[in-house]
Amino acid sequence: MAPKTRLKAKAQIDVPQNNGEAAADIKHLGDLQRQLARTQAEMNDSIAHITQTYQGPLDALIKQIEGLQEGVQAYCEAHRDDLTNGGKVKTANFITGEIQWRQRPPSVRITGADSVIETLHRLGLGKFVRTKEEINKEAILNAPEEVKGVAGISIVSGVEDFVITPFEQEVTA
């Protein structure tokens, strides 16, 4: 096997060599962040313009579609017995498409969850109330010595972030 003649390495970063270069890089970073914000604003302006341009025609199409759906449904409901062969089938085929009647699966809708939970407990129906257990990380941080040595728990501390904040002037209207 022939030795590799090409080595791949991550591109080297430009590291400032003194305070002046660091200050210049921070200024350049601020310039780039502001350019990013301007470009994002321009993109959002374009999106808003496109949305406004198409909103009217889209609304008209949606209104037409809803009207046709309502009309076809009214016809099919009026002729359901004929279309479903007396209820034996749930689908009716037309030359241009098909329609279906489908029963949704049962679902539960809760209003006033707190009072429903209280009522279920009062009636001895606690089996219908889910109790969620989870680890209280705040309590562990308040008493780290008590969980010392517990497998699966480690307390991460001393992590330092490096933050660069270019100076900017806020404009108030």
N, C-alpha and C. Protein backbone atom coordinates (compact mmCIF):
# COMPACT_ATOMS: atom_id res chain seq x y z
N MET A 1 0.83 -1.18 0.00
CA MET A 1 0.00 0.00 0.00
C MET A 1 0.88 1.25 0.00
N ALA A 2 0.58 2.17 -0.86
CA ALA A 2 1.40 3.38 -1.00
C ALA A 2 1.13 4.34 0.16
N PRO A 3 2.15 5.05 0.63
CA PRO A 3 1.94 6.01 1.71
C PRO A 3 1.12 7.19 1.21
N LYS A 4 0.37 7.80 2.13
CA LYS A 4 -0.45 8.96 1.77
C LYS A 4 0.45 10.14 1.45
N THR A 5 0.15 10.82 0.36
CA THR A 5 0.94 11.98 -0.02
C THR A 5 0.25 13.28 0.36
N ARG A 6 -1.00 13.16 0.80
CA ARG A 6 -1.77 14.35 1.14
C ARG A 6 -2.25 14.24 2.58
N LEU A 7 -2.02 15.23 3.38
CA LEU A 7 -2.47 15.25 4.76
C LEU A 7 -3.58 16.28 4.90
N LYS A 8 -4.63 15.89 5.59
CA LYS A 8 -5.74 16.81 5.83
C LYS A 8 -5.63 17.34 7.25
N ALA A 9 -5.80 18.63 7.40
CA ALA A 9 -5.78 19.24 8.72
C ALA A 9 -6.81 20.36 8.74
N LYS A 10 -7.35 20.62 9.91
CA LYS A 10 -8.29 21.71 10.06
C LYS A 10 -7.58 23.03 9.79
N ALA A 11 -8.26 23.94 9.14
CA ALA A 11 -7.66 25.24 8.81
C ALA A 11 -7.24 25.95 10.09
N GLN A 12 -6.13 26.59 10.04
CA GLN A 12 -5.62 27.31 11.19
C GLN A 12 -6.40 28.61 11.37
N ILE A 13 -6.61 28.98 12.62
CA ILE A 13 -7.32 30.22 12.90
C ILE A 13 -6.32 31.36 13.00
N ASP A 14 -6.80 32.56 12.78
CA ASP A 14 -5.98 33.76 12.85
C ASP A 14 -5.99 34.23 14.30
N VAL A 15 -4.88 34.15 14.99
CA VAL A 15 -4.79 34.54 16.39
C VAL A 15 -4.10 35.90 16.48
N PRO A 16 -4.76 36.87 17.13
CA PRO A 16 -4.12 38.18 17.28
C PRO A 16 -2.83 38.04 18.09
N GLN A 17 -1.86 38.90 17.77
CA GLN A 17 -0.55 38.81 18.41
C GLN A 17 -0.34 39.88 19.48
N ASN A 18 -1.26 40.87 19.57
CA ASN A 18 -1.12 41.90 20.59
C ASN A 18 -2.48 42.52 20.85
N ASN A 19 -2.54 43.43 21.82
CA ASN A 19 -3.81 44.06 22.20
C ASN A 19 -4.45 44.81 21.04
N GLY A 20 -3.65 45.46 20.25
CA GLY A 20 -4.18 46.22 19.11
C GLY A 20 -4.87 45.31 18.10
N GLU A 21 -4.24 44.17 17.79
CA GLU A 21 -4.86 43.23 16.86
C GLU A 21 -6.12 42.61 17.45
N ALA A 22 -6.10 42.32 18.77
CA ALA A 22 -7.29 41.76 19.41
C ALA A 22 -8.44 42.76 19.36
N ALA A 23 -8.13 44.03 19.63
CA ALA A 23 -9.16 45.08 19.57
C ALA A 23 -9.71 45.20 18.15
N ALA A 24 -8.84 45.13 17.15
CA ALA A 24 -9.28 45.21 15.76
C ALA A 24 -10.17 44.02 15.39
N ASP A 25 -9.80 42.83 15.88
CA ASP A 25 -10.61 41.64 15.60
C ASP A 25 -11.98 41.74 16.26
N ILE A 26 -12.02 42.30 17.49
CA ILE A 26 -13.31 42.47 18.17
C ILE A 26 -14.18 43.45 17.40
N LYS A 27 -13.58 44.54 16.89
CA LYS A 27 -14.34 45.49 16.06
C LYS A 27 -14.87 44.80 14.81
N HIS A 28 -14.00 44.00 14.17
CA HIS A 28 -14.41 43.27 12.96
C HIS A 28 -15.54 42.29 13.28
N LEU A 29 -15.45 41.63 14.44
CA LEU A 29 -16.51 40.72 14.88
C LEU A 29 -17.83 41.46 15.02
N GLY A 30 -17.79 42.65 15.64
CA GLY A 30 -19.00 43.46 15.77
C GLY A 30 -19.56 43.85 14.41
N ASP A 31 -18.65 44.25 13.48
CA ASP A 31 -19.08 44.61 12.12
C ASP A 31 -19.80 43.43 11.46
N LEU A 32 -19.22 42.22 11.60
CA LEU A 32 -19.83 41.03 10.98
C LEU A 32 -21.17 40.70 11.61
N GLN A 33 -21.28 40.84 12.94
CA GLN A 33 -22.55 40.57 13.61
C GLN A 33 -23.63 41.54 13.15
N ARG A 34 -23.27 42.82 12.99
CA ARG A 34 -24.25 43.80 12.50
C ARG A 34 -24.64 43.52 11.06
N GLN A 35 -23.67 43.09 10.23
CA GLN A 35 -23.98 42.73 8.85
C GLN A 35 -24.91 41.53 8.81
N LEU A 36 -24.68 40.56 9.70
CA LEU A 36 -25.56 39.40 9.80
C LEU A 36 -26.98 39.84 10.15
N ALA A 37 -27.11 40.74 11.11
CA ALA A 37 -28.44 41.24 11.51
C ALA A 37 -29.11 41.97 10.35
N ARG A 38 -28.35 42.80 9.62
CA ARG A 38 -28.92 43.51 8.46
C ARG A 38 -29.38 42.53 7.39
N THR A 39 -28.56 41.51 7.13
CA THR A 39 -28.90 40.52 6.10
C THR A 39 -30.15 39.74 6.51
N GLN A 40 -30.23 39.38 7.79
CA GLN A 40 -31.42 38.68 8.27
C GLN A 40 -32.66 39.57 8.13
N ALA A 41 -32.51 40.85 8.44
CA ALA A 41 -33.64 41.78 8.31
C ALA A 41 -34.07 41.90 6.85
N GLU A 42 -33.11 41.98 5.93
CA GLU A 42 -33.44 42.03 4.51
C GLU A 42 -34.17 40.76 4.07
N MET A 43 -33.69 39.61 4.55
CA MET A 43 -34.34 38.34 4.21
C MET A 43 -35.78 38.34 4.73
N ASN A 44 -35.98 38.79 5.99
CA ASN A 44 -37.32 38.82 6.55
C ASN A 44 -38.22 39.81 5.82
N ASP A 45 -37.66 40.94 5.37
CA ASP A 45 -38.42 41.89 4.57
C ASP A 45 -38.88 41.23 3.26
N SER A 46 -37.97 40.48 2.63
CA SER A 46 -38.32 39.79 1.38
C SER A 46 -39.40 38.75 1.61
N ILE A 47 -39.27 38.00 2.69
CA ILE A 47 -40.29 36.99 3.01
C ILE A 47 -41.65 37.66 3.25
N ALA A 48 -41.64 38.78 3.97
CA ALA A 48 -42.89 39.50 4.24
C ALA A 48 -43.52 39.98 2.94
N HIS A 49 -42.70 40.48 2.03
CA HIS A 49 -43.21 40.97 0.74
C HIS A 49 -43.80 39.80 -0.07
N ILE A 50 -43.09 38.68 -0.11
CA ILE A 50 -43.59 37.50 -0.85
C ILE A 50 -44.90 37.01 -0.24
N THR A 51 -44.95 36.94 1.09
CA THR A 51 -46.17 36.49 1.77
C THR A 51 -47.33 37.42 1.44
N GLN A 52 -47.08 38.72 1.50
CA GLN A 52 -48.14 39.69 1.19
C GLN A 52 -48.60 39.56 -0.25
N THR A 53 -47.67 39.32 -1.17
CA THR A 53 -48.00 39.20 -2.59
C THR A 53 -48.92 38.01 -2.84
N TYR A 54 -48.66 36.90 -2.19
CA TYR A 54 -49.41 35.67 -2.45
C TYR A 54 -50.60 35.45 -1.53
N GLN A 55 -50.73 36.23 -0.46
CA GLN A 55 -51.79 35.99 0.50
C GLN A 55 -53.18 36.08 -0.12
N GLY A 56 -53.43 37.12 -0.92
CA GLY A 56 -54.75 37.28 -1.55
C GLY A 56 -55.13 36.11 -2.44
N PRO A 57 -54.27 35.73 -3.42
CA PRO A 57 -54.59 34.59 -4.27
C PRO A 57 -54.73 33.28 -3.47
N LEU A 58 -53.89 33.10 -2.44
CA LEU A 58 -54.00 31.88 -1.63
C LEU A 58 -55.33 31.84 -0.88
N ASP A 59 -55.73 32.99 -0.31
CA ASP A 59 -57.01 33.04 0.40
C ASP A 59 -58.17 32.72 -0.55
N ALA A 60 -58.11 33.23 -1.77
CA ALA A 60 -59.18 32.96 -2.75
C ALA A 60 -59.22 31.46 -3.10
N LEU A 61 -58.06 30.86 -3.27
CA LEU A 61 -58.03 29.42 -3.58
C LEU A 61 -58.55 28.59 -2.41
N ILE A 62 -58.16 28.96 -1.21
CA ILE A 62 -58.64 28.23 -0.02
C ILE A 62 -60.16 28.34 0.08
N LYS A 63 -60.69 29.52 -0.18
CA LYS A 63 -62.15 29.71 -0.12
C LYS A 63 -62.85 28.84 -1.18
N GLN A 64 -62.30 28.77 -2.39
CA GLN A 64 -62.87 27.92 -3.43
C GLN A 64 -62.83 26.45 -3.03
N ILE A 65 -61.69 26.01 -2.49
CA ILE A 65 -61.52 24.61 -2.08
C ILE A 65 -62.53 24.27 -0.99
N GLU A 66 -62.66 25.14 0.02
CA GLU A 66 -63.60 24.88 1.11
C GLU A 66 -65.04 24.80 0.58
N GLY A 67 -65.39 25.69 -0.35
CA GLY A 67 -66.74 25.65 -0.93
C GLY A 67 -67.01 24.36 -1.67
N LEU A 68 -66.03 23.92 -2.48
CA LEU A 68 -66.20 22.65 -3.21
C LEU A 68 -66.28 21.47 -2.25
N GLN A 69 -65.45 21.47 -1.20
CA GLN A 69 -65.49 20.37 -0.23
C GLN A 69 -66.86 20.30 0.45
N GLU A 70 -67.37 21.47 0.86
CA GLU A 70 -68.67 21.50 1.52
C GLU A 70 -69.77 21.00 0.58
N GLY A 71 -69.71 21.39 -0.70
CA GLY A 71 -70.72 20.96 -1.66
C GLY A 71 -70.67 19.46 -1.90
N VAL A 72 -69.45 18.92 -2.11
CA VAL A 72 -69.31 17.48 -2.33
C VAL A 72 -69.76 16.71 -1.09
N GLN A 73 -69.41 17.20 0.10
CA GLN A 73 -69.83 16.52 1.32
C GLN A 73 -71.35 16.54 1.46
N ALA A 74 -71.97 17.66 1.16
CA ALA A 74 -73.44 17.74 1.25
C ALA A 74 -74.09 16.74 0.30
N TYR A 75 -73.58 16.66 -0.94
CA TYR A 75 -74.11 15.69 -1.90
C TYR A 75 -73.94 14.27 -1.38
N CYS A 76 -72.73 13.96 -0.91
CA CYS A 76 -72.44 12.60 -0.47
C CYS A 76 -73.25 12.22 0.78
N GLU A 77 -73.44 13.16 1.69
CA GLU A 77 -74.26 12.88 2.88
C GLU A 77 -75.70 12.61 2.46
N ALA A 78 -76.21 13.37 1.49
CA ALA A 78 -77.58 13.18 1.03
C ALA A 78 -77.75 11.84 0.31
N HIS A 79 -76.67 11.34 -0.31
CA HIS A 79 -76.74 10.09 -1.06
C HIS A 79 -75.90 8.99 -0.41
N ARG A 80 -75.67 9.09 0.87
CA ARG A 80 -74.77 8.17 1.58
C ARG A 80 -75.21 6.72 1.44
N ASP A 81 -76.49 6.48 1.56
CA ASP A 81 -77.00 5.10 1.50
C ASP A 81 -76.67 4.46 0.14
N ASP A 82 -76.88 5.22 -0.93
CA ASP A 82 -76.57 4.70 -2.27
C ASP A 82 -75.05 4.53 -2.47
N LEU A 83 -74.28 5.52 -2.01
CA LEU A 83 -72.83 5.49 -2.22
C LEU A 83 -72.14 4.39 -1.41
N THR A 84 -72.71 4.03 -0.25
CA THR A 84 -72.06 3.03 0.61
C THR A 84 -72.74 1.66 0.54
N ASN A 85 -73.61 1.51 -0.47
CA ASN A 85 -74.32 0.24 -0.63
C ASN A 85 -75.04 -0.15 0.67
N GLY A 86 -75.78 0.81 1.18
CA GLY A 86 -76.55 0.57 2.39
C GLY A 86 -75.69 0.51 3.64
N GLY A 87 -74.54 1.12 3.63
CA GLY A 87 -73.65 1.14 4.80
C GLY A 87 -72.67 -0.01 4.83
N LYS A 88 -72.61 -0.81 3.78
CA LYS A 88 -71.72 -1.97 3.74
C LYS A 88 -70.27 -1.58 3.47
N VAL A 89 -70.04 -0.45 2.79
CA VAL A 89 -68.69 0.03 2.51
C VAL A 89 -68.56 1.46 3.03
N LYS A 90 -67.35 1.90 3.28
CA LYS A 90 -67.12 3.25 3.79
C LYS A 90 -66.47 4.16 2.76
N THR A 91 -66.25 3.65 1.57
CA THR A 91 -65.59 4.40 0.51
C THR A 91 -66.46 4.39 -0.73
N ALA A 92 -66.53 5.53 -1.41
CA ALA A 92 -67.24 5.60 -2.69
C ALA A 92 -66.27 6.13 -3.73
N ASN A 93 -66.22 5.45 -4.87
CA ASN A 93 -65.32 5.85 -5.95
C ASN A 93 -66.07 6.62 -7.02
N PHE A 94 -65.46 7.71 -7.45
CA PHE A 94 -65.95 8.48 -8.57
C PHE A 94 -64.86 8.39 -9.65
N ILE A 95 -65.15 8.83 -10.84
CA ILE A 95 -64.16 8.77 -11.91
C ILE A 95 -62.94 9.61 -11.58
N THR A 96 -63.15 10.72 -10.87
CA THR A 96 -62.05 11.66 -10.59
C THR A 96 -61.45 11.53 -9.20
N GLY A 97 -61.96 10.63 -8.38
CA GLY A 97 -61.43 10.47 -7.03
C GLY A 97 -62.37 9.66 -6.17
N GLU A 98 -62.09 9.63 -4.89
CA GLU A 98 -62.94 8.87 -3.97
C GLU A 98 -63.22 9.69 -2.72
N ILE A 99 -64.28 9.30 -2.05
CA ILE A 99 -64.63 9.90 -0.76
C ILE A 99 -64.71 8.77 0.25
N GLN A 100 -64.51 9.12 1.52
CA GLN A 100 -64.52 8.11 2.57
C GLN A 100 -65.20 8.67 3.81
N TRP A 101 -65.80 7.78 4.56
CA TRP A 101 -66.27 8.10 5.89
C TRP A 101 -65.41 7.28 6.84
N ARG A 102 -64.74 7.92 7.77
CA ARG A 102 -63.88 7.22 8.71
C ARG A 102 -64.23 7.62 10.14
N GLN A 103 -64.37 6.63 10.99
CA GLN A 103 -64.66 6.86 12.40
C GLN A 103 -63.35 7.13 13.13
N ARG A 104 -63.27 8.23 13.82
CA ARG A 104 -62.07 8.55 14.59
C ARG A 104 -62.00 7.67 15.83
N PRO A 105 -60.79 7.34 16.28
CA PRO A 105 -60.69 6.57 17.52
C PRO A 105 -61.11 7.43 18.71
N PRO A 106 -61.55 6.79 19.79
CA PRO A 106 -61.98 7.56 20.97
C PRO A 106 -60.83 8.39 21.52
N SER A 107 -61.16 9.52 22.10
CA SER A 107 -60.15 10.38 22.72
C SER A 107 -60.73 10.96 24.00
N VAL A 108 -59.86 11.46 24.85
CA VAL A 108 -60.29 12.05 26.12
C VAL A 108 -59.97 13.54 26.07
N ARG A 109 -60.95 14.34 26.43
CA ARG A 109 -60.76 15.79 26.49
C ARG A 109 -60.99 16.21 27.94
N ILE A 110 -60.04 16.91 28.52
CA ILE A 110 -60.12 17.34 29.91
C ILE A 110 -60.20 18.85 29.96
N THR A 111 -61.16 19.37 30.73
CA THR A 111 -61.22 20.80 31.00
C THR A 111 -61.16 20.98 32.50
N GLY A 112 -60.36 21.88 32.97
CA GLY A 112 -60.17 22.08 34.41
C GLY A 112 -59.44 20.91 35.03
N ALA A 113 -58.23 20.64 34.56
CA ALA A 113 -57.47 19.45 34.96
C ALA A 113 -57.29 19.35 36.47
N ASP A 114 -57.02 20.46 37.14
CA ASP A 114 -56.79 20.41 38.59
C ASP A 114 -58.02 19.91 39.34
N SER A 115 -59.20 20.42 38.97
CA SER A 115 -60.42 19.98 39.66
C SER A 115 -60.76 18.53 39.30
N VAL A 116 -60.45 18.12 38.08
CA VAL A 116 -60.69 16.72 37.69
C VAL A 116 -59.80 15.79 38.49
N ILE A 117 -58.52 16.16 38.66
CA ILE A 117 -57.60 15.33 39.46
C ILE A 117 -58.10 15.23 40.90
N GLU A 118 -58.51 16.35 41.46
CA GLU A 118 -59.02 16.35 42.83
C GLU A 118 -60.25 15.46 42.96
N THR A 119 -61.16 15.55 42.00
CA THR A 119 -62.37 14.73 42.02
C THR A 119 -62.05 13.25 41.89
N LEU A 120 -61.12 12.90 41.00
CA LEU A 120 -60.74 11.50 40.84
C LEU A 120 -60.16 10.94 42.14
N HIS A 121 -59.31 11.71 42.82
CA HIS A 121 -58.76 11.26 44.10
C HIS A 121 -59.86 11.11 45.14
N ARG A 122 -60.77 12.07 45.21
CA ARG A 122 -61.86 12.03 46.19
C ARG A 122 -62.76 10.82 45.99
N LEU A 123 -62.97 10.44 44.72
CA LEU A 123 -63.84 9.30 44.42
C LEU A 123 -63.09 7.96 44.47
N GLY A 124 -61.82 7.99 44.86
CA GLY A 124 -61.05 6.74 44.93
C GLY A 124 -60.64 6.22 43.57
N LEU A 125 -60.53 7.10 42.60
CA LEU A 125 -60.15 6.71 41.24
C LEU A 125 -58.75 7.21 40.91
N GLY A 126 -57.85 7.13 41.89
CA GLY A 126 -56.48 7.59 41.72
C GLY A 126 -55.72 6.87 40.63
N LYS A 127 -56.21 5.67 40.24
CA LYS A 127 -55.52 4.93 39.18
C LYS A 127 -55.57 5.68 37.85
N PHE A 128 -56.45 6.66 37.74
CA PHE A 128 -56.55 7.44 36.51
C PHE A 128 -55.71 8.73 36.57
N VAL A 129 -54.90 8.87 37.62
CA VAL A 129 -54.04 10.03 37.77
C VAL A 129 -52.60 9.55 37.67
N ARG A 130 -51.84 10.12 36.77
CA ARG A 130 -50.44 9.75 36.57
C ARG A 130 -49.56 10.58 37.50
N THR A 131 -48.69 9.90 38.24
CA THR A 131 -47.72 10.58 39.09
C THR A 131 -46.37 10.45 38.42
N LYS A 132 -45.74 11.56 38.18
CA LYS A 132 -44.47 11.57 37.47
C LYS A 132 -43.33 11.76 38.48
N GLU A 133 -42.38 10.84 38.48
CA GLU A 133 -41.22 10.96 39.33
C GLU A 133 -40.05 11.43 38.48
N GLU A 134 -39.32 12.40 39.02
CA GLU A 134 -38.13 12.87 38.34
C GLU A 134 -37.12 13.34 39.38
N ILE A 135 -35.89 13.41 38.97
CA ILE A 135 -34.82 13.79 39.88
C ILE A 135 -34.87 15.30 40.10
N ASN A 136 -34.75 15.71 41.37
CA ASN A 136 -34.76 17.12 41.73
C ASN A 136 -33.32 17.64 41.71
N LYS A 137 -32.90 18.16 40.58
CA LYS A 137 -31.52 18.62 40.42
C LYS A 137 -31.22 19.81 41.32
N GLU A 138 -32.20 20.66 41.57
CA GLU A 138 -31.98 21.82 42.45
C GLU A 138 -31.64 21.36 43.86
N ALA A 139 -32.34 20.33 44.35
CA ALA A 139 -32.06 19.80 45.69
C ALA A 139 -30.67 19.19 45.75
N ILE A 140 -30.25 18.53 44.68
CA ILE A 140 -28.91 17.93 44.64
C ILE A 140 -27.85 19.03 44.69
N LEU A 141 -28.06 20.12 43.95
CA LEU A 141 -27.11 21.22 43.99
C LEU A 141 -27.05 21.88 45.36
N ASN A 142 -28.17 21.88 46.10
CA ASN A 142 -28.20 22.47 47.43
C ASN A 142 -27.55 21.58 48.48
N ALA A 143 -27.47 20.28 48.22
CA ALA A 143 -26.88 19.34 49.19
C ALA A 143 -26.02 18.31 48.47
N PRO A 144 -24.94 18.73 47.80
CA PRO A 144 -24.15 17.80 47.00
C PRO A 144 -23.46 16.71 47.82
N GLU A 145 -23.14 17.00 49.09
CA GLU A 145 -22.45 16.02 49.90
C GLU A 145 -23.31 14.80 50.21
N GLU A 146 -24.61 14.95 50.21
CA GLU A 146 -25.50 13.83 50.52
C GLU A 146 -25.57 12.81 49.39
N VAL A 147 -25.32 13.21 48.15
CA VAL A 147 -25.40 12.28 47.02
C VAL A 147 -24.01 11.88 46.52
N LYS A 148 -22.99 12.30 47.25
CA LYS A 148 -21.63 11.96 46.85
C LYS A 148 -21.48 10.44 46.84
N GLY A 149 -20.98 9.90 45.75
CA GLY A 149 -20.79 8.46 45.63
C GLY A 149 -21.96 7.73 45.00
N VAL A 150 -23.06 8.41 44.73
CA VAL A 150 -24.20 7.76 44.08
C VAL A 150 -23.88 7.63 42.59
N ALA A 151 -23.93 6.38 42.11
CA ALA A 151 -23.62 6.13 40.70
C ALA A 151 -24.61 6.86 39.80
N GLY A 152 -24.09 7.49 38.77
CA GLY A 152 -24.94 8.18 37.80
C GLY A 152 -25.14 9.65 38.10
N ILE A 153 -24.67 10.10 39.26
CA ILE A 153 -24.80 11.52 39.59
C ILE A 153 -23.42 12.13 39.65
N SER A 154 -23.21 13.16 38.87
CA SER A 154 -21.97 13.91 38.96
C SER A 154 -22.33 15.39 38.91
N ILE A 155 -21.64 16.16 39.69
CA ILE A 155 -21.91 17.59 39.75
C ILE A 155 -20.82 18.30 38.95
N VAL A 156 -21.25 19.00 37.94
CA VAL A 156 -20.34 19.70 37.06
C VAL A 156 -20.22 21.13 37.56
N SER A 157 -19.00 21.54 37.87
CA SER A 157 -18.79 22.91 38.32
C SER A 157 -17.47 23.41 37.75
N GLY A 158 -17.28 24.71 37.82
CA GLY A 158 -16.03 25.30 37.35
C GLY A 158 -15.94 25.42 35.85
N VAL A 159 -17.06 25.27 35.14
CA VAL A 159 -17.04 25.42 33.69
C VAL A 159 -17.04 26.91 33.38
N GLU A 160 -16.10 27.33 32.56
CA GLU A 160 -15.94 28.74 32.25
C GLU A 160 -16.26 28.98 30.78
N ASP A 161 -17.07 29.98 30.51
CA ASP A 161 -17.38 30.38 29.14
C ASP A 161 -16.58 31.63 28.81
N PHE A 162 -16.19 31.74 27.56
CA PHE A 162 -15.51 32.92 27.07
C PHE A 162 -16.49 33.69 26.20
N VAL A 163 -16.75 34.94 26.54
CA VAL A 163 -17.75 35.74 25.84
C VAL A 163 -17.10 36.99 25.28
N ILE A 164 -17.38 37.28 24.02
CA ILE A 164 -16.92 38.52 23.39
C ILE A 164 -18.15 39.37 23.11
N THR A 165 -18.14 40.61 23.60
CA THR A 165 -19.26 41.51 23.38
C THR A 165 -18.74 42.80 22.77
N PRO A 166 -18.87 42.93 21.45
CA PRO A 166 -18.46 44.20 20.82
C PRO A 166 -19.35 45.34 21.32
N PHE A 167 -18.77 46.51 21.54
CA PHE A 167 -19.55 47.66 21.99
C PHE A 167 -20.45 48.14 20.88
N GLU A 168 -21.70 48.44 21.27
CA GLU A 168 -22.66 48.97 20.30
C GLU A 168 -23.51 50.03 20.99
N GLN A 169 -23.97 50.95 20.23
CA GLN A 169 -24.82 52.02 20.76
C GLN A 169 -26.27 51.69 20.43
N GLU A 170 -27.11 51.66 21.45
CA GLU A 170 -28.54 51.42 21.24
C GLU A 170 -29.21 52.73 20.82
N VAL A 171 -30.10 52.67 19.87
CA VAL A 171 -30.82 53.83 19.43
C VAL A 171 -32.27 53.70 19.93
N THR A 172 -32.75 54.68 20.65
CA THR A 172 -34.11 54.66 21.14
C THR A 172 -34.93 55.68 20.39
N ALA A 173 -36.15 55.30 20.11
CA ALA A 173 -37.01 56.20 19.34
C ALA A 173 -37.93 56.96 20.25
